[in-house]
Amino acid sequence: MHYTGTIWRPPYEADSLILEATAGCTHHRCKFCTLYDELPFKFKASELSTMESDLLEAQTWFHDPLSKIEAHLFSLPAPKRCRVFLAGANPFALKSKRLLEIAGLIYKHFPTCKTIGCFARVTDVTSKTDEELAALREAGYTGLTIGIETGDDKALAFMNKGYAAQDIVAQCARLDAADIAYAFFYLAGISGKGHGIEGARLTAAVCNQTRPSLIGANILTIYKNSELYQEILAGNWEEETEIEKYQEIKALVEDLEIPVEYAMLGASNPVMMQGRLPEQRTQIIAALDRVIEEIGEDRLRHYRTNLKHL
């Protein structure tokens, strides 16, 4: 398999076939992000011939005749239908024609594949027509993961995200119309010291106008090679304490009104949790309170400062 640099995927794509469609990020200007700094280029699309080679290699894992015989002899359950997750910061930025060509390759070699997912930026949706979105859904593209980060316009502008809160609402409405499912990543701490709870409430107001299948909360971890670290040194921005970040997450959970799966499963979270809103709101808030009261700032900060890589 051909992979470039560190490969990132959401926790819930663990069982998916990871196929590299792009490397790097088309935007690559978010002040807090260092995920793709190791690459010698900003963004590159994989050649279709390379992707087909990877699919042929992957066939040897998924279509092993010995495993099929073993399953028959021992009455093992049938394998799950295949899902493919396209690796890269935002493969959905590719032209619709290329995405459809990739889908054709996948179904050629994995005819049991039913859906294709990937990371996407809000602006990747903006660049596609309604007709293109409908065609992509017909081709199996669904379950996109979108790092909205926040609904706080001031934070989005300061961090150079390249879109505003209303863009999230507008473009997700277009995904809803095309029946393309999506999940959100929220970044606790992005609004800065003294503004976290306000940022969380603004984010909840945005999310309440959309229909994500999941909202995954991650916690901002600042590395010295980030542009944000330089902003801190210059006195232009101040980081929240770890307790403030959890108070912010609690405010988000309190204000979310939509039915949604809520999760904190990434490495940036020292304490992982998952539940369903609104059904398990009380339990989730109680768990957040325990983190704040029983673990405390020192231990949470120790985890943050010793987190070498996300």
Protein backbone atom coordinates (compact mmCIF):
# COMPACT_ATOMS: atom_id res chain seq x y z
CA MET A 1 0.00 0.00 0.00
CA HIS A 2 1.18 3.51 -0.77
CA TYR A 3 0.93 5.93 2.15
CA THR A 4 2.57 9.35 2.48
CA GLY A 5 3.59 10.57 5.92
CA THR A 6 1.38 9.98 8.94
CA ILE A 7 -2.08 8.70 8.07
CA TRP A 8 -4.99 10.20 10.02
CA ARG A 9 -8.46 8.70 10.30
CA PRO A 10 -11.41 9.15 12.66
CA PRO A 11 -11.73 6.49 15.40
CA TYR A 12 -14.98 5.24 13.89
CA GLU A 13 -13.26 4.40 10.58
CA ALA A 14 -11.07 1.76 12.24
CA ASP A 15 -12.68 -1.10 10.29
CA SER A 16 -12.59 0.68 6.94
CA LEU A 17 -10.14 0.02 4.15
CA ILE A 18 -7.82 3.05 4.18
CA LEU A 19 -6.97 4.08 0.63
CA GLU A 20 -4.78 7.11 0.02
CA ALA A 21 -6.48 9.50 -2.40
CA THR A 22 -4.55 12.64 -1.48
CA ALA A 23 -1.69 13.72 0.75
CA GLY A 24 -1.52 17.04 2.55
CA CYS A 25 -4.19 19.73 2.84
CA THR A 26 -5.48 22.15 0.19
CA HIS A 27 -5.79 24.88 2.85
CA HIS A 28 -2.85 24.26 5.21
CA ARG A 29 -3.17 27.67 6.85
CA CYS A 30 -4.90 26.92 10.16
CA LYS A 31 -2.72 28.46 12.86
CA PHE A 32 -3.06 25.56 15.30
CA CYS A 33 -2.44 22.72 12.83
CA THR A 34 0.89 20.90 12.47
CA LEU A 35 -0.45 17.58 11.15
CA TYR A 36 1.02 17.87 7.66
CA ASP A 37 4.18 19.88 8.33
CA GLU A 38 6.33 16.82 7.65
CA LEU A 39 5.33 16.79 3.96
CA PRO A 40 7.54 18.60 1.43
CA PHE A 41 4.47 19.82 -0.46
CA LYS A 42 1.11 21.37 0.42
CA PHE A 43 -1.26 18.99 -1.37
CA LYS A 44 -1.00 16.18 -3.89
CA ALA A 45 -3.55 13.83 -5.42
CA SER A 46 -2.72 10.14 -5.85
CA GLU A 47 -2.44 8.77 -9.36
CA LEU A 48 -5.33 6.50 -10.32
CA SER A 49 -2.84 3.81 -11.31
CA THR A 50 -1.32 3.93 -7.83
CA MET A 51 -4.73 3.66 -6.21
CA GLU A 52 -5.62 0.70 -8.40
CA SER A 53 -2.37 -1.00 -7.40
CA ASP A 54 -3.28 -0.49 -3.75
CA LEU A 55 -6.76 -1.92 -4.32
CA LEU A 56 -5.25 -4.99 -5.97
CA GLU A 57 -2.96 -5.45 -2.97
CA ALA A 58 -5.86 -5.00 -0.55
CA GLN A 59 -7.78 -7.72 -2.37
CA THR A 60 -5.32 -10.26 -1.01
CA TRP A 61 -6.46 -9.40 2.52
CA PHE A 62 -10.18 -9.24 1.89
CA HIS A 63 -10.53 -12.04 -0.65
CA ASP A 64 -8.23 -14.66 0.86
CA PRO A 65 -9.71 -18.03 -0.28
CA LEU A 66 -8.34 -19.83 2.78
CA SER A 67 -10.26 -17.52 5.10
CA LYS A 68 -13.43 -18.21 3.12
CA ILE A 69 -12.92 -21.98 3.49
CA GLU A 70 -12.25 -21.53 7.21
CA ALA A 71 -15.43 -19.47 7.61
CA HIS A 72 -17.44 -22.18 5.84
CA LEU A 73 -15.95 -25.08 7.84
CA PHE A 74 -16.39 -23.44 11.22
CA SER A 75 -19.63 -21.57 10.51
CA LEU A 76 -18.00 -18.20 11.13
CA PRO A 77 -20.07 -15.07 10.49
CA ALA A 78 -19.91 -13.56 7.05
CA PRO A 79 -17.50 -10.64 6.71
CA LYS A 80 -18.93 -7.17 7.01
CA ARG A 81 -19.69 -5.26 3.86
CA CYS A 82 -16.66 -3.24 2.92
CA ARG A 83 -16.38 0.49 3.52
CA VAL A 84 -13.51 2.54 2.09
CA PHE A 85 -12.11 5.62 3.77
CA LEU A 86 -10.03 7.87 1.52
CA ALA A 87 -6.92 9.08 3.33
CA GLY A 88 -5.79 12.69 3.18
CA ALA A 89 -6.68 15.93 4.96
CA ASN A 90 -9.56 16.66 2.56
CA PRO A 91 -9.93 14.34 -0.45
CA PHE A 92 -13.42 15.78 -0.99
CA ALA A 93 -11.63 18.79 -2.49
CA LEU A 94 -10.94 16.71 -5.60
CA LYS A 95 -13.05 17.41 -8.65
CA SER A 96 -16.26 15.40 -8.80
CA LYS A 97 -15.04 13.68 -11.97
CA ARG A 98 -11.96 12.36 -10.14
CA LEU A 99 -14.00 11.28 -7.10
CA LEU A 100 -16.35 9.35 -9.39
CA GLU A 101 -13.37 7.72 -11.13
CA ILE A 102 -12.03 6.65 -7.73
CA ALA A 103 -15.42 5.19 -6.84
CA GLY A 104 -15.41 3.23 -10.09
CA LEU A 105 -12.02 1.72 -9.25
CA ILE A 106 -13.18 0.78 -5.76
CA TYR A 107 -16.31 -1.00 -6.99
CA LYS A 108 -14.34 -2.72 -9.74
CA HIS A 109 -12.09 -4.41 -7.20
CA PHE A 110 -14.44 -4.43 -4.20
CA PRO A 111 -17.95 -4.95 -5.55
CA THR A 112 -19.27 -5.53 -2.01
CA CYS A 113 -18.23 -2.01 -0.98
CA LYS A 114 -21.30 0.06 -0.18
CA THR A 115 -19.99 3.44 0.98
CA ILE A 116 -16.96 5.71 0.71
CA GLY A 117 -15.97 8.25 3.35
CA CYS A 118 -13.24 10.85 3.79
CA PHE A 119 -12.31 14.06 5.57
CA ALA A 120 -13.78 17.22 4.05
CA ARG A 121 -13.55 20.95 4.56
CA VAL A 122 -16.64 23.13 4.47
CA THR A 123 -15.16 24.82 1.40
CA ASP A 124 -14.93 21.47 -0.42
CA VAL A 125 -18.72 21.28 -0.34
CA THR A 126 -19.03 24.90 -1.49
CA SER A 127 -17.03 24.12 -4.63
CA LYS A 128 -19.49 21.45 -5.82
CA THR A 129 -22.86 21.95 -7.47
CA ASP A 130 -26.01 20.34 -6.12
CA GLU A 131 -25.99 18.01 -9.13
CA GLU A 132 -22.41 16.94 -8.37
CA LEU A 133 -23.27 16.26 -4.73
CA ALA A 134 -26.22 14.11 -5.83
CA ALA A 135 -23.98 12.16 -8.22
CA LEU A 136 -21.38 11.61 -5.52
CA ARG A 137 -24.04 10.30 -3.13
CA GLU A 138 -25.29 7.97 -5.85
CA ALA A 139 -21.70 6.72 -6.16
CA GLY A 140 -21.61 5.92 -2.44
CA TYR A 141 -19.94 8.98 -0.94
CA THR A 142 -21.41 9.48 2.52
CA GLY A 143 -20.24 9.67 6.11
CA LEU A 144 -17.93 12.65 5.56
CA THR A 145 -15.95 13.90 8.55
CA ILE A 146 -15.81 17.70 8.72
CA GLY A 147 -13.55 19.54 11.14
CA ILE A 148 -15.77 22.55 11.75
CA GLU A 149 -13.72 23.27 14.92
CA THR A 150 -16.13 25.94 16.22
CA GLY A 151 -19.10 28.16 15.44
CA ASP A 152 -17.29 31.20 16.86
CA ASP A 153 -16.66 33.54 13.92
CA LYS A 154 -13.92 35.47 15.73
CA ALA A 155 -12.01 32.25 16.41
CA LEU A 156 -12.55 30.96 12.87
CA ALA A 157 -11.15 34.20 11.45
CA PHE A 158 -8.19 34.37 13.86
CA MET A 159 -7.24 30.74 13.17
CA ASN A 160 -7.49 31.23 9.38
CA LYS A 161 -10.07 28.47 8.88
CA GLY A 162 -11.26 30.01 5.62
CA TYR A 163 -15.01 30.04 6.29
CA ALA A 164 -17.57 31.50 8.71
CA ALA A 165 -20.14 29.87 10.96
CA GLN A 166 -22.99 30.52 8.54
CA ASP A 167 -21.06 28.68 5.82
CA ILE A 168 -21.17 25.55 7.98
CA VAL A 169 -24.95 25.79 8.22
CA ALA A 170 -25.43 26.54 4.52
CA GLN A 171 -23.16 23.81 3.18
CA CYS A 172 -24.44 21.15 5.57
CA ALA A 173 -27.98 21.95 4.40
CA ARG A 174 -26.78 21.12 0.88
CA LEU A 175 -25.30 17.83 2.13
CA ASP A 176 -28.62 17.06 3.83
CA ALA A 177 -30.46 17.73 0.57
CA ALA A 178 -28.11 15.32 -1.23
CA ASP A 179 -28.53 12.71 1.55
CA ILE A 180 -24.79 12.77 2.29
CA ALA A 181 -24.27 11.98 5.98
CA TYR A 182 -21.56 13.82 7.90
CA ALA A 183 -19.90 14.01 11.31
CA PHE A 184 -18.34 17.05 12.99
CA PHE A 185 -15.07 17.50 14.83
CA TYR A 186 -15.17 20.27 17.46
CA LEU A 187 -11.94 21.70 18.90
CA ALA A 188 -12.23 22.74 22.55
CA GLY A 189 -9.97 25.66 23.42
CA ILE A 190 -9.94 27.30 20.00
CA SER A 191 -11.66 30.49 21.21
CA GLY A 192 -8.89 31.26 23.68
CA LYS A 193 -8.77 32.11 27.37
CA GLY A 194 -11.92 33.69 28.72
CA HIS A 195 -13.95 32.96 25.57
CA GLY A 196 -14.39 29.18 25.66
CA ILE A 197 -17.92 28.97 27.02
CA GLU A 198 -19.11 31.66 24.63
CA GLY A 199 -17.47 29.77 21.77
CA ALA A 200 -19.13 26.53 22.86
CA ARG A 201 -22.57 28.14 22.94
CA LEU A 202 -22.03 29.65 19.50
CA THR A 203 -20.97 26.23 18.24
CA ALA A 204 -24.05 24.57 19.70
CA ALA A 205 -26.21 27.20 17.96
CA VAL A 206 -24.60 26.27 14.64
CA CYS A 207 -24.85 22.52 15.23
CA ASN A 208 -28.51 22.85 16.19
CA GLN A 209 -29.21 24.04 12.64
CA THR A 210 -27.56 20.97 11.10
CA ARG A 211 -27.94 17.18 11.19
CA PRO A 212 -24.58 15.56 11.98
CA SER A 213 -24.56 11.86 12.84
CA LEU A 214 -21.83 12.50 15.41
CA ILE A 215 -20.07 15.40 17.13
CA GLY A 216 -16.57 14.45 18.19
CA ALA A 217 -14.85 16.78 20.63
CA ASN A 218 -11.08 17.09 20.54
CA ILE A 219 -8.98 19.28 22.80
CA LEU A 220 -6.58 21.89 21.43
CA THR A 221 -2.95 20.87 21.87
CA ILE A 222 -0.43 23.55 20.91
CA TYR A 223 2.94 22.56 19.49
CA LYS A 224 5.95 24.86 19.24
CA ASN A 225 6.17 24.55 15.47
CA SER A 226 2.65 25.93 15.02
CA GLU A 227 1.82 29.47 13.97
CA LEU A 228 -0.45 29.68 17.00
CA TYR A 229 2.53 29.21 19.32
CA GLN A 230 4.14 32.28 17.75
CA GLU A 231 0.91 34.22 18.34
CA ILE A 232 1.11 33.26 22.02
CA LEU A 233 4.74 34.43 22.25
CA ALA A 234 3.75 37.72 20.63
CA GLY A 235 1.00 38.21 23.21
CA ASN A 236 -1.80 38.05 20.63
CA TRP A 237 -3.59 35.00 22.06
CA GLU A 238 -3.75 33.14 25.37
CA GLU A 239 -4.49 29.47 25.90
CA GLU A 240 -7.31 28.29 28.15
CA THR A 241 -6.51 26.17 31.17
CA GLU A 242 -7.39 22.48 30.87
CA ILE A 243 -10.29 22.98 33.29
CA GLU A 244 -11.62 25.81 31.12
CA LYS A 245 -11.55 23.49 28.12
CA TYR A 246 -13.67 20.94 29.96
CA GLN A 247 -16.05 23.64 31.16
CA GLU A 248 -16.35 24.68 27.53
CA ILE A 249 -17.15 21.11 26.44
CA LYS A 250 -19.75 20.90 29.20
CA ALA A 251 -21.41 24.08 27.87
CA LEU A 252 -21.53 22.55 24.39
CA VAL A 253 -23.20 19.38 25.68
CA GLU A 254 -25.70 21.42 27.69
CA ASP A 255 -26.74 23.51 24.67
CA LEU A 256 -26.96 20.85 21.97
CA GLU A 257 -30.62 20.29 21.12
CA ILE A 258 -30.32 17.90 18.19
CA PRO A 259 -30.30 14.09 18.48
CA VAL A 260 -26.68 13.15 17.94
CA GLU A 261 -23.93 10.75 18.99
CA TYR A 262 -21.37 12.58 21.13
CA ALA A 263 -17.80 11.34 21.52
CA MET A 264 -14.37 12.22 22.87
CA LEU A 265 -12.20 9.45 21.45
CA GLY A 266 -9.09 11.02 19.94
CA ALA A 267 -5.61 11.09 21.47
CA SER A 268 -6.04 14.74 22.49
CA ASN A 269 -8.58 13.61 25.09
CA PRO A 270 -7.00 12.35 28.34
CA VAL A 271 -10.36 10.87 29.31
CA MET A 272 -12.39 9.25 26.55
CA MET A 273 -16.16 9.07 26.61
CA GLN A 274 -19.08 8.47 24.31
CA GLY A 275 -22.86 8.73 24.59
CA ARG A 276 -26.09 9.68 22.92
CA LEU A 277 -27.72 13.11 23.17
CA PRO A 278 -30.16 14.01 24.52
CA GLU A 279 -30.73 10.60 26.13
CA GLN A 280 -27.42 10.46 28.03
CA ARG A 281 -26.84 14.18 28.58
CA THR A 282 -27.00 13.85 32.38
CA GLN A 283 -24.43 11.04 32.43
CA ILE A 284 -22.06 12.85 30.07
CA ILE A 285 -22.22 16.07 32.08
CA ALA A 286 -21.63 14.11 35.28
CA ALA A 287 -18.56 12.49 33.69
CA LEU A 288 -17.23 15.90 32.65
CA ASP A 289 -17.78 17.21 36.18
CA ARG A 290 -15.79 14.29 37.58
CA VAL A 291 -12.90 15.08 35.26
CA ILE A 292 -12.94 18.71 36.42
CA GLU A 293 -13.30 17.94 40.13
CA GLU A 294 -11.39 14.69 40.58
CA ILE A 295 -8.60 14.79 38.01
CA GLY A 296 -7.95 18.51 38.15
CA GLU A 297 -5.75 20.99 36.32
CA ASP A 298 -2.31 19.64 37.21
CA ARG A 299 -2.90 16.08 35.98
CA LEU A 300 -4.73 17.25 32.87
CA ARG A 301 -1.96 19.71 32.04
CA HIS A 302 0.65 16.98 32.59
CA TYR A 303 -1.11 14.88 29.97
CA ARG A 304 -1.25 17.83 27.55
CA THR A 305 2.41 18.82 27.87
CA ASN A 306 3.54 15.22 27.46
CA LEU A 307 1.40 14.51 24.40
CA LYS A 308 4.21 14.30 21.86
CA HIS A 309 2.01 13.77 18.83
CA LEU A 310 -1.68 13.66 18.00
